Amino acid sequence: MSGRLIEKKIVVTAAGQGIGKATAIAFHREGADVTATDLNDKTLADLKKEFPGISVQKLDSTDNNAILEFTKTLDRVDVLLNAVGFVHHGTILECEEKDWDFSSNVNVKSMYFMCKAILPKMIEQNSGSIINISSCASSLKGFPNRFVYGTTKGAVIGLTKAIASDFVKKNIRCNSIAPGTVFSPSWQDRVNQSPDPIQAKKDFIARQPMGRLGTAEEIAAVAVYLASDDSTFTTGTTISVDGGISI
């Protein structure tokens, strides 16, 4: 690695597995001082065991009071990566109010809470980069049985652009990444829970124009760029890392 993030202090949510974990590791390997947060004690403990140099903190990103208490412990935040997300399966007719509320809280409100808590520190510093994980299933493209997921991930793109516009004069950048289907524990869980896991896996791969799933590390590589000084003229964008599925 090139050390592009040396001396940068970074907070990552949902860092216990998948894209969040891969990105926390990539940031660490580039020299950043990383605080990895997650709701799962075990996955955080596993990450700490594998990478002792990464600080870990249990945190529920949907609990604003917990976030505000956590933020008090931070002296500086150069980069915030919001990776929390939940995939609900179904059309609008299969989306109950409780599903709407849960998905909205996890996929959008968590980022609202985190950004609102961290932004004052970035304003005081007159610098910062916020990176939000959206999805190609969003305002970019509609997918079958992804009604509330696509709705909330579209909201993430809107949230990202609004923050970028409001704080561009404060030297704060805000961008989002829109992954395609990525091999991860959550994806594997969805496959395993389907009526025919073998066919479900084939279907996921078949819809990707490249004929394969993405990796969490490929998403992390783009996050490193957005966290680094290489992207200081980049804000308000959504970078699709989706193997061509949105074109």
Protein backbone atom coordinates (compact mmCIF):
# COMPACT_ATOMS: atom_id res chain seq x y z
CA MET A 1 0.00 0.00 0.00
CA SER A 2 1.04 3.60 -0.60
CA GLY A 3 0.21 5.18 2.76
CA ARG A 4 -2.35 7.56 1.24
CA LEU A 5 -4.25 7.89 4.52
CA ILE A 6 -1.41 8.42 6.98
CA GLU A 7 -2.46 10.62 9.93
CA LYS A 8 -6.13 10.58 8.92
CA LYS A 9 -8.62 9.66 11.64
CA ILE A 10 -11.49 7.62 10.26
CA VAL A 11 -14.76 6.24 11.64
CA VAL A 12 -16.39 3.28 9.90
CA THR A 13 -19.86 1.93 10.68
CA ALA A 14 -20.96 -1.68 10.09
CA ALA A 15 -17.29 -2.61 10.18
CA GLY A 16 -17.79 -6.11 11.52
CA GLN A 17 -18.25 -7.79 8.15
CA GLY A 18 -18.68 -7.27 4.42
CA ILE A 19 -17.97 -3.90 2.82
CA GLY A 20 -17.56 -2.13 6.16
CA LYS A 21 -14.92 -4.59 7.34
CA ALA A 22 -13.03 -4.64 4.05
CA THR A 23 -12.98 -0.84 4.00
CA ALA A 24 -11.81 -0.52 7.60
CA ILE A 25 -8.95 -2.90 6.79
CA ALA A 26 -8.09 -1.03 3.59
CA PHE A 27 -8.04 2.28 5.47
CA HIS A 28 -5.81 0.76 8.15
CA ARG A 29 -3.40 -0.62 5.58
CA GLU A 30 -3.12 2.84 4.03
CA GLY A 31 -1.94 4.23 7.35
CA ALA A 32 -5.16 5.66 8.82
CA ASP A 33 -6.11 5.71 12.49
CA VAL A 34 -9.34 3.68 12.17
CA THR A 35 -12.18 3.33 14.65
CA ALA A 36 -14.40 0.45 13.54
CA THR A 37 -17.94 0.41 14.91
CA ASP A 38 -20.61 -2.26 14.75
CA LEU A 39 -23.51 -3.62 16.77
CA ASN A 40 -22.02 -7.14 16.81
CA ASP A 41 -19.50 -7.75 19.60
CA LYS A 42 -18.20 -10.97 18.08
CA THR A 43 -17.41 -9.61 14.63
CA LEU A 44 -15.68 -6.62 16.22
CA ALA A 45 -13.63 -8.92 18.44
CA ASP A 46 -12.65 -10.99 15.41
CA LEU A 47 -11.57 -7.85 13.55
CA LYS A 48 -9.53 -6.64 16.54
CA LYS A 49 -7.84 -10.02 16.84
CA GLU A 50 -6.90 -10.00 13.17
CA PHE A 51 -5.88 -6.32 13.11
CA PRO A 52 -4.84 -5.14 16.59
CA GLY A 53 -4.04 -1.67 15.22
CA ILE A 54 -7.71 -0.99 14.47
CA SER A 55 -9.73 0.45 17.36
CA VAL A 56 -13.16 -1.10 17.80
CA GLN A 57 -16.29 0.29 19.43
CA LYS A 58 -19.71 -1.30 19.80
CA LEU A 59 -22.25 1.16 18.41
CA ASP A 60 -25.86 1.03 17.25
CA SER A 61 -25.96 3.49 14.35
CA THR A 62 -29.72 3.86 14.75
CA ASP A 63 -29.38 5.04 18.37
CA ASN A 64 -28.80 8.79 18.30
CA ASN A 65 -28.02 9.08 22.02
CA ALA A 66 -25.35 6.39 21.73
CA ILE A 67 -23.88 8.13 18.69
CA LEU A 68 -23.70 11.47 20.49
CA GLU A 69 -21.95 9.88 23.46
CA PHE A 70 -19.52 8.11 21.11
CA THR A 71 -18.80 11.34 19.25
CA LYS A 72 -17.74 13.01 22.50
CA THR A 73 -14.80 10.59 22.67
CA LEU A 74 -13.46 11.71 19.28
CA ASP A 75 -11.03 14.60 19.07
CA ARG A 76 -10.95 14.68 15.27
CA VAL A 77 -12.66 12.91 12.37
CA ASP A 78 -11.16 13.29 8.90
CA VAL A 79 -13.32 10.65 7.24
CA LEU A 80 -16.69 9.07 8.05
CA LEU A 81 -17.74 5.96 6.15
CA ASN A 82 -21.38 4.94 6.59
CA ALA A 83 -21.75 1.29 5.60
CA VAL A 84 -24.83 0.25 7.56
CA GLY A 85 -27.51 -1.34 5.43
CA PHE A 86 -30.34 -3.87 5.31
CA VAL A 87 -31.87 -5.58 2.26
CA HIS A 88 -35.61 -6.23 2.39
CA HIS A 89 -37.00 -8.63 -0.23
CA GLY A 90 -40.35 -7.82 -1.80
CA THR A 91 -42.54 -5.44 -3.77
CA ILE A 92 -44.56 -2.58 -2.27
CA LEU A 93 -47.40 -5.07 -1.70
CA GLU A 94 -45.08 -7.20 0.44
CA CYS A 95 -43.65 -4.28 2.37
CA GLU A 96 -45.49 -3.77 5.64
CA GLU A 97 -45.20 -0.55 7.61
CA LYS A 98 -42.81 -2.21 10.04
CA ASP A 99 -40.57 -3.20 7.11
CA TRP A 100 -40.66 0.35 5.78
CA ASP A 101 -39.78 1.79 9.19
CA PHE A 102 -36.99 -0.70 9.88
CA SER A 103 -35.40 -0.27 6.46
CA SER A 104 -35.66 3.51 6.66
CA ASN A 105 -34.10 3.58 10.12
CA VAL A 106 -31.20 1.32 9.20
CA ASN A 107 -30.47 2.57 5.68
CA VAL A 108 -31.18 6.29 5.97
CA LYS A 109 -31.73 7.51 9.52
CA SER A 110 -28.47 5.90 10.68
CA MET A 111 -26.58 8.04 8.14
CA TYR A 112 -28.55 11.13 9.16
CA PHE A 113 -27.59 10.56 12.80
CA MET A 114 -23.92 9.84 12.05
CA CYS A 115 -23.45 12.74 9.64
CA LYS A 116 -25.19 15.22 11.94
CA ALA A 117 -23.04 14.14 14.89
CA ILE A 118 -19.72 14.20 13.03
CA LEU A 119 -20.18 17.27 10.82
CA PRO A 120 -19.57 19.85 13.60
CA LYS A 121 -16.09 18.40 14.11
CA MET A 122 -15.38 18.59 10.39
CA ILE A 123 -16.65 22.18 10.26
CA GLU A 124 -14.34 23.10 13.12
CA GLN A 125 -11.44 21.44 11.28
CA ASN A 126 -12.46 23.06 7.98
CA SER A 127 -12.02 19.69 6.28
CA GLY A 128 -13.54 16.26 6.01
CA SER A 129 -14.79 13.52 3.74
CA ILE A 130 -18.07 11.63 4.21
CA ILE A 131 -18.61 8.45 2.23
CA ASN A 132 -22.03 6.79 2.17
CA ILE A 133 -22.67 3.28 0.85
CA SER A 134 -25.72 3.39 -1.39
CA SER A 135 -26.53 0.78 -4.06
CA CYS A 136 -27.11 0.45 -7.79
CA ALA A 137 -30.62 -0.57 -6.64
CA SER A 138 -31.64 3.00 -5.89
CA SER A 139 -32.43 6.07 -7.96
CA LEU A 140 -29.93 4.63 -10.45
CA LYS A 141 -31.95 1.57 -11.40
CA GLY A 142 -35.02 -0.36 -10.30
CA PHE A 143 -34.72 -4.04 -9.42
CA PRO A 144 -37.49 -6.60 -8.86
CA ASN A 145 -38.37 -7.25 -5.20
CA ARG A 146 -36.23 -4.40 -3.91
CA PHE A 147 -38.96 -1.83 -3.30
CA VAL A 148 -38.05 -0.40 0.09
CA TYR A 149 -34.34 -1.16 -0.29
CA GLY A 150 -34.18 0.78 -3.56
CA THR A 151 -36.27 3.57 -2.08
CA THR A 152 -34.02 4.02 0.93
CA LYS A 153 -30.79 3.66 -1.02
CA GLY A 154 -32.09 6.31 -3.41
CA ALA A 155 -32.59 8.51 -0.36
CA VAL A 156 -28.94 7.96 0.55
CA ILE A 157 -27.93 9.47 -2.79
CA GLY A 158 -30.18 12.48 -2.15
CA LEU A 159 -28.79 12.87 1.37
CA THR A 160 -25.26 12.73 -0.02
CA LYS A 161 -25.86 15.44 -2.62
CA ALA A 162 -27.59 17.70 -0.11
CA ILE A 163 -24.72 17.51 2.38
CA ALA A 164 -22.18 18.05 -0.39
CA SER A 165 -24.01 21.18 -1.52
CA ASP A 166 -24.49 22.60 1.97
CA PHE A 167 -20.89 22.18 3.12
CA VAL A 168 -18.76 22.54 -0.01
CA LYS A 169 -17.64 26.01 1.18
CA LYS A 170 -16.48 24.43 4.46
CA ASN A 171 -14.02 22.16 2.61
CA ILE A 172 -16.14 19.13 3.44
CA ARG A 173 -16.83 16.58 0.74
CA CYS A 174 -19.65 14.04 0.66
CA ASN A 175 -19.85 11.22 -1.87
CA SER A 176 -21.57 7.88 -2.19
CA ILE A 177 -20.66 4.51 -3.63
CA ALA A 178 -23.27 2.37 -5.41
CA PRO A 179 -22.18 -1.27 -5.40
CA GLY A 180 -23.70 -3.99 -7.52
CA THR A 181 -24.12 -7.46 -6.06
CA VAL A 182 -21.16 -8.09 -3.79
CA PHE A 183 -20.09 -11.38 -2.25
CA SER A 184 -20.56 -10.86 1.49
CA PRO A 185 -21.98 -12.61 4.55
CA SER A 186 -25.29 -10.77 4.16
CA TRP A 187 -25.54 -11.81 0.50
CA GLN A 188 -24.75 -15.40 1.45
CA ASP A 189 -27.48 -15.29 4.11
CA ARG A 190 -30.04 -14.10 1.54
CA VAL A 191 -29.04 -16.92 -0.81
CA ASN A 192 -29.24 -19.54 1.93
CA GLN A 193 -32.69 -18.34 3.00
CA SER A 194 -34.15 -18.59 -0.50
CA PRO A 195 -36.28 -21.63 -1.45
CA ASP A 196 -33.59 -22.80 -3.89
CA PRO A 197 -30.15 -21.49 -2.82
CA ILE A 198 -28.32 -23.00 -5.79
CA GLN A 199 -30.65 -21.35 -8.30
CA ALA A 200 -30.65 -18.10 -6.33
CA LYS A 201 -26.86 -17.93 -6.54
CA LYS A 202 -26.97 -18.59 -10.29
CA ASP A 203 -29.60 -15.86 -10.74
CA PHE A 204 -27.55 -13.28 -8.82
CA ILE A 205 -24.49 -14.02 -10.94
CA ALA A 206 -26.46 -14.13 -14.21
CA ARG A 207 -27.79 -10.59 -13.78
CA GLN A 208 -24.25 -9.21 -13.50
CA PRO A 209 -22.97 -8.33 -17.02
CA MET A 210 -19.43 -9.33 -16.02
CA GLY A 211 -20.67 -12.77 -15.05
CA ARG A 212 -19.43 -12.59 -11.48
CA LEU A 213 -20.13 -10.94 -8.16
CA GLY A 214 -18.10 -8.02 -6.92
CA THR A 215 -15.85 -8.25 -3.89
CA ALA A 216 -15.92 -6.10 -0.78
CA GLU A 217 -12.29 -5.25 -1.46
CA GLU A 218 -13.23 -3.72 -4.83
CA ILE A 219 -15.68 -1.40 -3.08
CA ALA A 220 -13.07 -0.60 -0.43
CA ALA A 221 -10.58 0.48 -3.09
CA VAL A 222 -12.98 3.21 -4.24
CA ALA A 223 -13.59 4.24 -0.63
CA VAL A 224 -9.83 4.67 -0.16
CA TYR A 225 -9.78 7.04 -3.13
CA LEU A 226 -12.68 9.09 -1.71
CA ALA A 227 -11.04 9.20 1.71
CA SER A 228 -7.68 10.29 0.34
CA ASP A 229 -6.39 13.64 -0.87
CA ASP A 230 -6.49 12.25 -4.41
CA SER A 231 -10.21 13.10 -4.46
CA THR A 232 -10.13 16.64 -3.07
CA PHE A 233 -12.02 17.95 -6.14
CA THR A 234 -14.69 15.25 -5.94
CA THR A 235 -17.92 15.89 -4.08
CA GLY A 236 -21.64 15.17 -4.49
CA THR A 237 -20.94 12.20 -6.73
CA THR A 238 -22.21 8.64 -6.75
CA ILE A 239 -19.61 6.20 -8.04
CA SER A 240 -21.10 2.97 -9.38
CA VAL A 241 -18.98 -0.09 -8.70
CA ASP A 242 -21.41 -2.63 -10.10
CA GLY A 243 -19.83 -4.66 -12.88
CA GLY A 244 -21.91 -2.82 -15.47
CA ILE A 245 -25.34 -3.71 -14.09
CA SER A 246 -26.58 -0.09 -14.12
CA ILE A 247 -25.65 0.67 -17.74
